[in-house]
Every structure is written in structure tokens, then in C-alpha cells.
Amino acid sequence: MVDEKLVESLKSFLREGREWERKPTSLPGVFIMKIPAYGRGAPRLVVEVNPTDPAGNPTKKRGLLVRGIDDLEAYRKLLAHEKIKELLQGVDGANPLTAERMRSSKEIIEV
């Protein structure tokens, strides 16, 4: 069962929060975001999953937005696929080196 205190806190944020406002939670890398009304829908809250730095600040401009339990289950299923890691390793190999990857690279140019 869902904690009533949590539900009330979320309802308050939904009423009083600004559009696109992001609030941290007690879970590192997990935020609550208020998104504006779209079409005939009302404003709503979503969970944003976004890695954080040591100070707890998001490291990406926008993380993965999870709109509900169905989204969570769909993402879990997709991310658990055995080929995802292989695909991401291929993407890493195809993309140009970032400054961070260049610093961690073992390649040294001998002068």
C-alpha cells in the first residue's frame, strides 16, 4: 500500500509546483517533475531517473522520464534485453572519444 504522507506531499507539489520543476527525492538519482498539461490532459507528475554527481546534482540535462508503473515495466523489459549492452558497446566504439574517455584512455603518443 502507498504511504499517505507521500501521496499528500506529491499532491501538494502537483498543485503548487511550477511547470517543469524538478524536486529531488530521498533516492539518489530519482527526481519528481511536474509536466504541463498536454492537449486535454491535466498537469501531472512523472519520475525522472538521472545519474547524479557526488553533490547529488543531475549529470544530464534531462533524464529518463517514467510516467507510471506501465512505463517502468516496459523500460525494465527493454533494458534487461541481452543485446542492449552489446549495442551500447558498439555505440561507444563508433562515437568519437569524449574528453573524459580521452583522459581515461591508455593510449599515449610518444614524442
N, C-alpha and C. Protein backbone atom coordinates (compact mmCIF):
# COMPACT_ATOMS: atom_id res chain seq x y z
N MET A 1 0.84 -1.19 0.00
CA MET A 1 0.00 0.00 0.00
C MET A 1 0.88 1.25 0.00
N VAL A 2 0.44 2.31 -0.63
CA VAL A 2 1.20 3.54 -0.77
C VAL A 2 1.08 4.38 0.51
N ASP A 3 2.18 4.95 0.92
CA ASP A 3 2.22 5.81 2.10
C ASP A 3 1.39 7.08 1.86
N GLU A 4 0.42 7.34 2.71
CA GLU A 4 -0.47 8.51 2.56
C GLU A 4 0.31 9.82 2.64
N LYS A 5 1.35 9.85 3.48
CA LYS A 5 2.16 11.07 3.60
C LYS A 5 2.84 11.38 2.26
N LEU A 6 3.32 10.34 1.61
CA LEU A 6 3.95 10.51 0.30
C LEU A 6 2.93 11.03 -0.71
N VAL A 7 1.74 10.45 -0.75
CA VAL A 7 0.71 10.87 -1.69
C VAL A 7 0.34 12.33 -1.45
N GLU A 8 0.18 12.72 -0.21
CA GLU A 8 -0.17 14.12 0.10
C GLU A 8 0.94 15.07 -0.32
N SER A 9 2.18 14.68 -0.09
CA SER A 9 3.32 15.51 -0.49
C SER A 9 3.35 15.68 -2.02
N LEU A 10 3.07 14.61 -2.74
CA LEU A 10 3.05 14.67 -4.20
C LEU A 10 1.88 15.51 -4.71
N LYS A 11 0.71 15.37 -4.07
CA LYS A 11 -0.44 16.18 -4.47
C LYS A 11 -0.15 17.67 -4.26
N SER A 12 0.52 17.99 -3.17
CA SER A 12 0.88 19.38 -2.89
C SER A 12 1.81 19.92 -3.97
N PHE A 13 2.79 19.11 -4.35
CA PHE A 13 3.72 19.53 -5.40
C PHE A 13 2.99 19.70 -6.73
N LEU A 14 2.04 18.82 -7.02
CA LEU A 14 1.26 18.93 -8.26
C LEU A 14 0.45 20.22 -8.28
N ARG A 15 -0.11 20.60 -7.14
CA ARG A 15 -0.90 21.84 -7.06
C ARG A 15 -0.02 23.09 -7.12
N GLU A 16 1.08 23.08 -6.39
CA GLU A 16 1.86 24.29 -6.17
C GLU A 16 3.15 24.40 -6.97
N GLY A 17 3.61 23.31 -7.54
CA GLY A 17 4.87 23.34 -8.28
C GLY A 17 4.75 24.07 -9.61
N ARG A 18 5.87 24.57 -10.11
CA ARG A 18 5.91 25.21 -11.41
C ARG A 18 6.05 24.16 -12.50
N GLU A 19 5.62 24.48 -13.71
CA GLU A 19 5.79 23.57 -14.83
C GLU A 19 7.27 23.28 -15.03
N TRP A 20 7.60 22.04 -15.25
CA TRP A 20 8.95 21.53 -15.46
C TRP A 20 9.83 21.63 -14.21
N GLU A 21 9.25 21.93 -13.07
CA GLU A 21 10.04 21.96 -11.83
C GLU A 21 10.44 20.54 -11.47
N ARG A 22 11.68 20.41 -11.01
CA ARG A 22 12.24 19.11 -10.63
C ARG A 22 12.55 19.16 -9.14
N LYS A 23 12.06 18.16 -8.39
CA LYS A 23 12.35 18.06 -6.96
C LYS A 23 13.09 16.76 -6.69
N PRO A 24 14.15 16.84 -5.90
CA PRO A 24 14.85 15.61 -5.55
C PRO A 24 14.03 14.75 -4.60
N THR A 25 14.32 13.47 -4.58
CA THR A 25 13.70 12.56 -3.62
C THR A 25 14.80 12.02 -2.71
N SER A 26 14.43 11.18 -1.78
CA SER A 26 15.43 10.58 -0.89
C SER A 26 16.20 9.46 -1.59
N LEU A 27 15.82 9.13 -2.81
CA LEU A 27 16.54 8.12 -3.61
C LEU A 27 17.54 8.82 -4.52
N PRO A 28 18.83 8.56 -4.39
CA PRO A 28 19.82 9.21 -5.25
C PRO A 28 19.53 8.96 -6.73
N GLY A 29 19.51 10.03 -7.51
CA GLY A 29 19.29 9.93 -8.95
C GLY A 29 17.84 9.83 -9.36
N VAL A 30 16.92 9.98 -8.39
CA VAL A 30 15.49 9.90 -8.69
C VAL A 30 14.84 11.22 -8.29
N PHE A 31 14.13 11.83 -9.23
CA PHE A 31 13.50 13.13 -9.04
C PHE A 31 12.03 13.04 -9.40
N ILE A 32 11.24 13.98 -8.89
CA ILE A 32 9.85 14.13 -9.29
C ILE A 32 9.78 15.40 -10.11
N MET A 33 9.11 15.34 -11.26
CA MET A 33 9.00 16.50 -12.12
C MET A 33 7.53 16.76 -12.44
N LYS A 34 7.15 18.02 -12.43
CA LYS A 34 5.80 18.40 -12.83
C LYS A 34 5.84 18.78 -14.30
N ILE A 35 5.04 18.09 -15.08
CA ILE A 35 4.98 18.41 -16.51
C ILE A 35 3.65 19.12 -16.80
N PRO A 36 3.66 20.03 -17.76
CA PRO A 36 2.45 20.81 -18.03
C PRO A 36 1.36 19.98 -18.71
N ALA A 37 0.18 20.55 -18.72
CA ALA A 37 -0.95 19.93 -19.40
C ALA A 37 -0.61 19.79 -20.88
N TYR A 38 -1.09 18.73 -21.48
CA TYR A 38 -0.87 18.49 -22.90
C TYR A 38 -2.21 18.11 -23.52
N GLY A 39 -2.60 18.82 -24.54
CA GLY A 39 -3.90 18.55 -25.16
C GLY A 39 -5.01 18.80 -24.14
N ARG A 40 -5.84 17.81 -23.96
CA ARG A 40 -6.94 17.94 -22.99
C ARG A 40 -6.55 17.43 -21.61
N GLY A 41 -5.36 16.90 -21.48
CA GLY A 41 -4.91 16.36 -20.20
C GLY A 41 -4.57 17.44 -19.19
N ALA A 42 -4.47 17.06 -17.96
CA ALA A 42 -4.12 17.96 -16.87
C ALA A 42 -2.63 17.88 -16.60
N PRO A 43 -2.07 18.87 -15.91
CA PRO A 43 -0.67 18.74 -15.49
C PRO A 43 -0.51 17.45 -14.67
N ARG A 44 0.67 16.87 -14.73
CA ARG A 44 0.89 15.63 -13.98
C ARG A 44 2.31 15.53 -13.51
N LEU A 45 2.55 14.58 -12.64
CA LEU A 45 3.89 14.32 -12.12
C LEU A 45 4.46 13.09 -12.81
N VAL A 46 5.77 13.13 -13.03
CA VAL A 46 6.49 11.97 -13.55
C VAL A 46 7.74 11.78 -12.70
N VAL A 47 8.28 10.59 -12.76
CA VAL A 47 9.54 10.29 -12.09
C VAL A 47 10.64 10.44 -13.13
N GLU A 48 11.68 11.18 -12.76
CA GLU A 48 12.85 11.30 -13.64
C GLU A 48 14.00 10.54 -13.01
N VAL A 49 14.60 9.66 -13.79
CA VAL A 49 15.79 8.92 -13.35
C VAL A 49 16.97 9.55 -14.07
N ASN A 50 17.90 10.08 -13.28
CA ASN A 50 19.01 10.85 -13.85
C ASN A 50 20.23 10.66 -12.94
N PRO A 51 21.32 10.09 -13.45
CA PRO A 51 22.50 9.91 -12.61
C PRO A 51 22.92 11.24 -11.98
N THR A 52 23.50 11.16 -10.78
CA THR A 52 23.91 12.37 -10.08
C THR A 52 25.41 12.40 -9.84
N ASP A 53 25.92 13.61 -9.63
CA ASP A 53 27.32 13.78 -9.25
C ASP A 53 27.43 13.57 -7.74
N PRO A 54 28.64 13.64 -7.17
CA PRO A 54 28.79 13.43 -5.73
C PRO A 54 27.98 14.40 -4.86
N ALA A 55 27.65 15.57 -5.39
CA ALA A 55 26.86 16.55 -4.63
C ALA A 55 25.36 16.29 -4.75
N GLY A 56 24.95 15.30 -5.55
CA GLY A 56 23.54 14.98 -5.71
C GLY A 56 22.85 15.72 -6.84
N ASN A 57 23.62 16.46 -7.65
CA ASN A 57 23.05 17.19 -8.78
C ASN A 57 22.95 16.28 -10.00
N PRO A 58 21.88 16.43 -10.80
CA PRO A 58 21.75 15.60 -12.00
C PRO A 58 22.93 15.84 -12.95
N THR A 59 23.41 14.79 -13.57
CA THR A 59 24.54 14.92 -14.50
C THR A 59 24.08 15.15 -15.94
N LYS A 60 22.83 14.89 -16.23
CA LYS A 60 22.29 15.09 -17.57
C LYS A 60 21.24 16.20 -17.51
N LYS A 61 21.08 16.89 -18.64
CA LYS A 61 20.07 17.95 -18.68
C LYS A 61 18.69 17.35 -18.43
N ARG A 62 18.41 16.22 -19.04
CA ARG A 62 17.12 15.56 -18.87
C ARG A 62 17.38 14.06 -18.73
N GLY A 63 16.78 13.45 -17.74
CA GLY A 63 16.93 12.02 -17.54
C GLY A 63 15.81 11.24 -18.21
N LEU A 64 15.68 10.01 -17.81
CA LEU A 64 14.64 9.13 -18.31
C LEU A 64 13.35 9.44 -17.55
N LEU A 65 12.30 9.80 -18.27
CA LEU A 65 11.03 10.13 -17.64
C LEU A 65 10.13 8.90 -17.61
N VAL A 66 9.68 8.55 -16.42
CA VAL A 66 8.81 7.40 -16.22
C VAL A 66 7.46 7.92 -15.76
N ARG A 67 6.44 7.70 -16.57
CA ARG A 67 5.11 8.28 -16.32
C ARG A 67 4.22 7.41 -15.44
N GLY A 68 4.58 6.17 -15.24
CA GLY A 68 3.75 5.28 -14.42
C GLY A 68 4.33 3.88 -14.35
N ILE A 69 3.62 3.01 -13.66
CA ILE A 69 4.07 1.63 -13.48
C ILE A 69 4.24 0.92 -14.83
N ASP A 70 3.33 1.16 -15.77
CA ASP A 70 3.44 0.52 -17.08
C ASP A 70 4.72 0.93 -17.79
N ASP A 71 5.08 2.22 -17.72
CA ASP A 71 6.34 2.68 -18.30
C ASP A 71 7.53 1.99 -17.63
N LEU A 72 7.50 1.93 -16.30
CA LEU A 72 8.60 1.31 -15.56
C LEU A 72 8.80 -0.13 -16.02
N GLU A 73 7.73 -0.89 -16.12
CA GLU A 73 7.83 -2.29 -16.54
C GLU A 73 8.34 -2.40 -17.98
N ALA A 74 7.89 -1.50 -18.85
CA ALA A 74 8.35 -1.53 -20.24
C ALA A 74 9.85 -1.21 -20.32
N TYR A 75 10.31 -0.21 -19.57
CA TYR A 75 11.74 0.12 -19.56
C TYR A 75 12.57 -1.02 -18.97
N ARG A 76 12.07 -1.62 -17.90
CA ARG A 76 12.79 -2.76 -17.30
C ARG A 76 12.98 -3.87 -18.33
N LYS A 77 11.92 -4.17 -19.04
CA LYS A 77 11.98 -5.24 -20.04
C LYS A 77 12.98 -4.89 -21.15
N LEU A 78 12.93 -3.65 -21.62
CA LEU A 78 13.85 -3.23 -22.68
C LEU A 78 15.30 -3.24 -22.21
N LEU A 79 15.56 -2.70 -21.03
CA LEU A 79 16.93 -2.60 -20.54
C LEU A 79 17.52 -3.95 -20.12
N ALA A 80 16.66 -4.92 -19.85
CA ALA A 80 17.12 -6.25 -19.47
C ALA A 80 17.49 -7.10 -20.68
N HIS A 81 17.17 -6.64 -21.88
CA HIS A 81 17.46 -7.43 -23.09
C HIS A 81 18.96 -7.66 -23.19
N GLU A 82 19.34 -8.89 -23.49
CA GLU A 82 20.75 -9.27 -23.51
C GLU A 82 21.58 -8.51 -24.54
N LYS A 83 20.96 -8.00 -25.59
CA LYS A 83 21.72 -7.33 -26.65
C LYS A 83 21.95 -5.84 -26.39
N ILE A 84 21.30 -5.27 -25.37
CA ILE A 84 21.45 -3.84 -25.10
C ILE A 84 22.90 -3.49 -24.78
N LYS A 85 23.55 -4.27 -23.92
CA LYS A 85 24.94 -3.98 -23.56
C LYS A 85 25.84 -4.05 -24.80
N GLU A 86 25.62 -5.06 -25.62
CA GLU A 86 26.40 -5.20 -26.85
C GLU A 86 26.18 -3.99 -27.76
N LEU A 87 24.92 -3.57 -27.91
CA LEU A 87 24.60 -2.41 -28.73
C LEU A 87 25.30 -1.16 -28.19
N LEU A 88 25.25 -0.95 -26.88
CA LEU A 88 25.88 0.24 -26.29
C LEU A 88 27.40 0.20 -26.43
N GLN A 89 28.00 -0.97 -26.35
CA GLN A 89 29.44 -1.08 -26.58
C GLN A 89 29.77 -0.70 -28.01
N GLY A 90 28.92 -1.09 -28.95
CA GLY A 90 29.10 -0.70 -30.35
C GLY A 90 28.97 0.80 -30.53
N VAL A 91 27.97 1.40 -29.86
CA VAL A 91 27.78 2.85 -29.93
C VAL A 91 29.02 3.56 -29.37
N ASP A 92 29.53 3.08 -28.22
CA ASP A 92 30.73 3.68 -27.64
C ASP A 92 31.91 3.59 -28.59
N GLY A 93 32.02 2.46 -29.29
CA GLY A 93 33.13 2.30 -30.23
C GLY A 93 32.98 3.17 -31.46
N ALA A 94 31.76 3.43 -31.89
CA ALA A 94 31.51 4.21 -33.09
C ALA A 94 31.58 5.72 -32.84
N ASN A 95 31.21 6.14 -31.64
CA ASN A 95 31.20 7.57 -31.33
C ASN A 95 32.61 8.11 -31.17
N PRO A 96 32.81 9.39 -31.47
CA PRO A 96 34.12 9.99 -31.23
C PRO A 96 34.40 9.98 -29.72
N LEU A 97 35.68 9.95 -29.40
CA LEU A 97 36.07 9.98 -27.99
C LEU A 97 35.66 11.29 -27.35
N THR A 98 35.10 11.22 -26.15
CA THR A 98 34.81 12.43 -25.38
C THR A 98 36.05 12.80 -24.60
N ALA A 99 36.08 14.01 -24.05
CA ALA A 99 37.22 14.44 -23.26
C ALA A 99 37.46 13.47 -22.10
N GLU A 100 36.40 13.01 -21.46
CA GLU A 100 36.53 12.08 -20.34
C GLU A 100 37.13 10.76 -20.78
N ARG A 101 36.64 10.23 -21.91
CA ARG A 101 37.17 8.97 -22.42
C ARG A 101 38.61 9.13 -22.89
N MET A 102 38.95 10.33 -23.40
CA MET A 102 40.33 10.57 -23.83
C MET A 102 41.27 10.57 -22.63
N ARG A 103 40.83 11.18 -21.52
CA ARG A 103 41.66 11.20 -20.31
C ARG A 103 41.88 9.80 -19.77
N SER A 104 40.87 8.95 -19.86
CA SER A 104 40.98 7.61 -19.30
C SER A 104 41.62 6.62 -20.27
N SER A 105 41.85 7.06 -21.50
CA SER A 105 42.44 6.20 -22.50
C SER A 105 43.90 5.88 -22.12
N LYS A 106 44.31 4.64 -22.39
CA LYS A 106 45.68 4.21 -22.09
C LYS A 106 46.64 4.56 -23.23
N GLU A 107 46.09 5.02 -24.35
CA GLU A 107 46.94 5.38 -25.49
C GLU A 107 47.76 6.62 -25.18
N ILE A 108 49.02 6.54 -25.41
CA ILE A 108 49.92 7.68 -25.22
C ILE A 108 50.67 7.90 -26.52
N ILE A 109 50.75 9.15 -26.94
CA ILE A 109 51.50 9.47 -28.15
C ILE A 109 52.94 9.75 -27.73
N GLU A 110 53.82 8.94 -28.23
CA GLU A 110 55.24 9.09 -27.91
C GLU A 110 55.82 10.22 -28.76
N VAL A 111 56.52 11.16 -28.14
CA VAL A 111 57.09 12.29 -28.86
C VAL A 111 58.60 12.19 -28.86
